[in-house]
Amino acid sequence: MSDTPDLVVDALGLLCPLPVLRLRKRMTDLPPGAVVQLLADDPAAHVDVPHFCAEAGHDFMGATGTTFTLRKR
């Protein structure tokens, strides 16, 4: 599987909980295994995104600056 993103979700400038809500909505139609990058500059995203992945069963692949990468399960 490639780690090249299948989808990039831009949530820059949005505050909690909007980045995760936008991410969840945009991921709905993606197949399992799809790689998604979320762009979010809200400091809470560093807690919210891994928590969302754990709750929804997705693989959190890491964060670099304002880019969060995950794989849909």
N, C-alpha and C. Protein backbone atom coordinates (compact mmCIF):
# COMPACT_ATOMS: atom_id res chain seq x y z
N MET A 1 0.83 -1.19 0.00
CA MET A 1 0.00 0.00 0.00
C MET A 1 0.87 1.25 0.00
N SER A 2 0.49 2.20 -0.75
CA SER A 2 1.22 3.45 -0.82
C SER A 2 0.77 4.39 0.30
N ASP A 3 1.69 5.22 0.75
CA ASP A 3 1.34 6.22 1.75
C ASP A 3 1.03 7.57 1.11
N THR A 4 0.96 7.61 -0.23
CA THR A 4 0.53 8.82 -0.92
C THR A 4 -0.94 9.05 -0.60
N PRO A 5 -1.31 10.25 -0.16
CA PRO A 5 -2.70 10.44 0.26
C PRO A 5 -3.70 10.29 -0.88
N ASP A 6 -4.79 9.61 -0.57
CA ASP A 6 -5.92 9.49 -1.50
C ASP A 6 -6.82 10.71 -1.38
N LEU A 7 -6.73 11.40 -0.24
CA LEU A 7 -7.56 12.55 0.03
C LEU A 7 -6.81 13.50 0.95
N VAL A 8 -6.88 14.79 0.68
CA VAL A 8 -6.35 15.82 1.58
C VAL A 8 -7.53 16.68 2.01
N VAL A 9 -7.70 16.79 3.33
CA VAL A 9 -8.80 17.57 3.90
C VAL A 9 -8.20 18.84 4.51
N ASP A 10 -8.60 19.99 4.00
CA ASP A 10 -8.08 21.26 4.49
C ASP A 10 -9.01 21.80 5.57
N ALA A 11 -8.52 21.79 6.81
CA ALA A 11 -9.28 22.34 7.93
C ALA A 11 -8.48 23.46 8.60
N LEU A 12 -7.57 24.07 7.86
CA LEU A 12 -6.77 25.16 8.42
C LEU A 12 -7.68 26.32 8.79
N GLY A 13 -7.45 26.88 9.97
CA GLY A 13 -8.25 28.01 10.44
C GLY A 13 -9.50 27.60 11.20
N LEU A 14 -9.82 26.31 11.21
CA LEU A 14 -11.01 25.84 11.94
C LEU A 14 -10.61 25.40 13.34
N LEU A 15 -11.52 25.60 14.29
CA LEU A 15 -11.26 25.22 15.67
C LEU A 15 -12.07 23.99 16.06
N CYS A 16 -11.60 23.30 17.08
CA CYS A 16 -12.24 22.11 17.61
C CYS A 16 -13.73 22.37 17.83
N PRO A 17 -14.58 21.46 17.43
CA PRO A 17 -14.35 20.12 16.87
C PRO A 17 -14.41 20.09 15.35
N LEU A 18 -14.41 21.23 14.69
CA LEU A 18 -14.65 21.27 13.24
C LEU A 18 -13.64 20.50 12.40
N PRO A 19 -12.33 20.50 12.70
CA PRO A 19 -11.42 19.71 11.86
C PRO A 19 -11.78 18.22 11.82
N VAL A 20 -12.07 17.64 12.97
CA VAL A 20 -12.41 16.22 13.00
C VAL A 20 -13.77 15.97 12.36
N LEU A 21 -14.72 16.86 12.54
CA LEU A 21 -16.03 16.68 11.91
C LEU A 21 -15.90 16.73 10.39
N ARG A 22 -15.10 17.66 9.88
CA ARG A 22 -14.89 17.75 8.43
C ARG A 22 -14.17 16.48 7.93
N LEU A 23 -13.19 16.03 8.69
CA LEU A 23 -12.45 14.81 8.33
C LEU A 23 -13.39 13.62 8.24
N ARG A 24 -14.20 13.42 9.25
CA ARG A 24 -15.13 12.29 9.29
C ARG A 24 -16.08 12.32 8.09
N LYS A 25 -16.62 13.49 7.79
CA LYS A 25 -17.58 13.62 6.68
C LYS A 25 -16.92 13.29 5.34
N ARG A 26 -15.72 13.82 5.12
CA ARG A 26 -15.04 13.62 3.84
C ARG A 26 -14.56 12.18 3.65
N MET A 27 -14.34 11.45 4.75
CA MET A 27 -13.86 10.07 4.67
C MET A 27 -14.96 9.06 4.37
N THR A 28 -16.20 9.46 4.50
CA THR A 28 -17.33 8.54 4.41
C THR A 28 -17.28 7.63 3.20
N ASP A 29 -17.03 8.18 2.02
CA ASP A 29 -17.11 7.39 0.78
C ASP A 29 -15.79 6.75 0.38
N LEU A 30 -14.74 6.91 1.17
CA LEU A 30 -13.45 6.31 0.83
C LEU A 30 -13.44 4.82 1.16
N PRO A 31 -12.73 4.03 0.36
CA PRO A 31 -12.63 2.60 0.66
C PRO A 31 -11.66 2.35 1.82
N PRO A 32 -11.78 1.22 2.51
CA PRO A 32 -10.81 0.86 3.53
C PRO A 32 -9.40 0.83 2.93
N GLY A 33 -8.43 1.29 3.69
CA GLY A 33 -7.05 1.34 3.23
C GLY A 33 -6.65 2.67 2.63
N ALA A 34 -7.63 3.54 2.40
CA ALA A 34 -7.33 4.85 1.83
C ALA A 34 -6.51 5.67 2.82
N VAL A 35 -5.53 6.39 2.31
CA VAL A 35 -4.68 7.25 3.14
C VAL A 35 -5.21 8.68 3.03
N VAL A 36 -5.39 9.30 4.20
CA VAL A 36 -5.97 10.64 4.27
C VAL A 36 -5.01 11.55 5.01
N GLN A 37 -4.85 12.76 4.51
CA GLN A 37 -4.11 13.79 5.23
C GLN A 37 -5.07 14.89 5.61
N LEU A 38 -5.00 15.28 6.87
CA LEU A 38 -5.77 16.40 7.39
C LEU A 38 -4.81 17.55 7.64
N LEU A 39 -5.13 18.72 7.11
CA LEU A 39 -4.37 19.93 7.39
C LEU A 39 -5.16 20.70 8.44
N ALA A 40 -4.59 20.84 9.63
CA ALA A 40 -5.28 21.51 10.73
C ALA A 40 -4.27 22.23 11.61
N ASP A 41 -4.54 23.51 11.87
CA ASP A 41 -3.62 24.28 12.71
C ASP A 41 -4.17 24.55 14.11
N ASP A 42 -5.31 23.97 14.44
CA ASP A 42 -5.84 24.08 15.80
C ASP A 42 -4.97 23.19 16.72
N PRO A 43 -4.39 23.75 17.78
CA PRO A 43 -3.55 22.93 18.67
C PRO A 43 -4.26 21.69 19.22
N ALA A 44 -5.57 21.77 19.39
CA ALA A 44 -6.32 20.63 19.91
C ALA A 44 -6.32 19.44 18.95
N ALA A 45 -6.02 19.67 17.69
CA ALA A 45 -6.00 18.58 16.70
C ALA A 45 -4.98 17.51 17.07
N HIS A 46 -3.91 17.88 17.77
CA HIS A 46 -2.89 16.90 18.16
C HIS A 46 -3.42 15.90 19.17
N VAL A 47 -4.50 16.24 19.84
CA VAL A 47 -5.19 15.31 20.74
C VAL A 47 -6.40 14.71 20.04
N ASP A 48 -7.15 15.55 19.35
CA ASP A 48 -8.42 15.13 18.74
C ASP A 48 -8.26 14.10 17.63
N VAL A 49 -7.29 14.27 16.76
CA VAL A 49 -7.16 13.37 15.61
C VAL A 49 -6.76 11.95 16.05
N PRO A 50 -5.72 11.78 16.89
CA PRO A 50 -5.43 10.41 17.35
C PRO A 50 -6.61 9.79 18.11
N HIS A 51 -7.32 10.60 18.88
CA HIS A 51 -8.48 10.08 19.62
C HIS A 51 -9.57 9.64 18.64
N PHE A 52 -9.85 10.45 17.62
CA PHE A 52 -10.82 10.09 16.60
C PHE A 52 -10.44 8.77 15.94
N CYS A 53 -9.17 8.62 15.59
CA CYS A 53 -8.71 7.38 14.95
C CYS A 53 -8.90 6.18 15.86
N ALA A 54 -8.56 6.33 17.13
CA ALA A 54 -8.72 5.22 18.08
C ALA A 54 -10.19 4.85 18.23
N GLU A 55 -11.05 5.83 18.33
CA GLU A 55 -12.48 5.57 18.51
C GLU A 55 -13.12 4.96 17.25
N ALA A 56 -12.70 5.42 16.08
CA ALA A 56 -13.31 4.97 14.82
C ALA A 56 -12.61 3.74 14.23
N GLY A 57 -11.46 3.37 14.80
CA GLY A 57 -10.76 2.19 14.31
C GLY A 57 -9.81 2.45 13.14
N HIS A 58 -9.50 3.70 12.87
CA HIS A 58 -8.56 4.04 11.79
C HIS A 58 -7.14 4.01 12.34
N ASP A 59 -6.16 3.90 11.44
CA ASP A 59 -4.75 3.89 11.84
C ASP A 59 -4.21 5.31 11.79
N PHE A 60 -3.79 5.83 12.94
CA PHE A 60 -3.14 7.14 12.98
C PHE A 60 -1.69 6.92 12.62
N MET A 61 -1.23 7.54 11.54
CA MET A 61 0.11 7.30 11.02
C MET A 61 1.10 8.37 11.45
N GLY A 62 0.62 9.44 12.08
CA GLY A 62 1.51 10.46 12.60
C GLY A 62 1.15 11.86 12.17
N ALA A 63 1.87 12.80 12.76
CA ALA A 63 1.64 14.22 12.47
C ALA A 63 2.99 14.90 12.30
N THR A 64 3.04 15.80 11.33
CA THR A 64 4.20 16.65 11.13
C THR A 64 3.69 18.08 10.97
N GLY A 65 3.97 18.90 11.97
CA GLY A 65 3.47 20.28 11.94
C GLY A 65 1.95 20.29 11.93
N THR A 66 1.37 20.78 10.86
CA THR A 66 -0.09 20.89 10.76
C THR A 66 -0.69 19.81 9.85
N THR A 67 0.11 18.79 9.52
CA THR A 67 -0.36 17.70 8.65
C THR A 67 -0.49 16.42 9.44
N PHE A 68 -1.69 15.86 9.45
CA PHE A 68 -1.99 14.61 10.16
C PHE A 68 -2.31 13.55 9.11
N THR A 69 -1.71 12.39 9.25
CA THR A 69 -1.91 11.32 8.26
C THR A 69 -2.53 10.11 8.93
N LEU A 70 -3.54 9.55 8.27
CA LEU A 70 -4.21 8.35 8.79
C LEU A 70 -4.63 7.44 7.65
N ARG A 71 -4.90 6.18 8.01
CA ARG A 71 -5.37 5.20 7.04
C ARG A 71 -6.75 4.73 7.50
N LYS A 72 -7.72 4.78 6.58
CA LYS A 72 -9.07 4.36 6.90
C LYS A 72 -9.13 2.85 7.03
N ARG A 73 -9.86 2.40 8.01
CA ARG A 73 -10.10 0.95 8.22
C ARG A 73 -11.55 0.64 8.02
